[in-house]
């Protein structure tokens, strides 16, 4: 219900009639009805607000309006801290491409396929840890050989050398084979790239040299695959 002062004077003086008055409804009854409607609307909004506050207190586990306000502020602060933390992991398209290329290079260097779908981060970690463990063993063997050499004990020196030579390092061997395979494959590519610089009579020989490099790379990778 909304009236201007002028409209209210007209309504009281009987010079005008409210558009929502019922048939044969007198002005006092109309005003009482409208006041009751306003009271009902007020109570509805009040109850809705009280229900919201109770629901918030129940959800947050607090027992006062001030506590609810503080809890909401704390949630906003946690959200801000989480957003700041997540921003550290965001990167530009260029950075993402670089990380992707680095990931592929690491996979290949460790003997995995560049786009293999069955390689998890733990697989890469295991390979690196195995290389580190074998490197530690080899360092120890080299140190023992150096110590035996400095003491002049030929028998001990021969023993340490034999120990070093017979030490098995499968992870290191696989890594070295992968590097050799990459080198051989690159040689084959380079030979074919400069084939036009050779006379036509040497075409078969050039291709044969490139195939030798390709086969070397294939065999080295097969050794790794067969363990």
Foldseek 3Di string as FASTA:
>chain_A
DDDDPVVVVCVVVVNDDDPPDDVPDDPVNVVVVVVVVVVVVVVVVVVVVVVVVVVLCVVQVHDDPVVSVVSVVVVVVVVVVVVVVVVVVDDDPVVVVVVLVVQLVLCLLQLHHSPDPPDDPVNSVVLVVLVVVVVVVLVVLVVQLVVCVVVVPPVSNVVSVVVNVPDDRLSVLLSVLSVLLVVLLVVLVVLVVCVVVDDPVCNVVSNVSSVVSNVSSVVSSVVNVVD
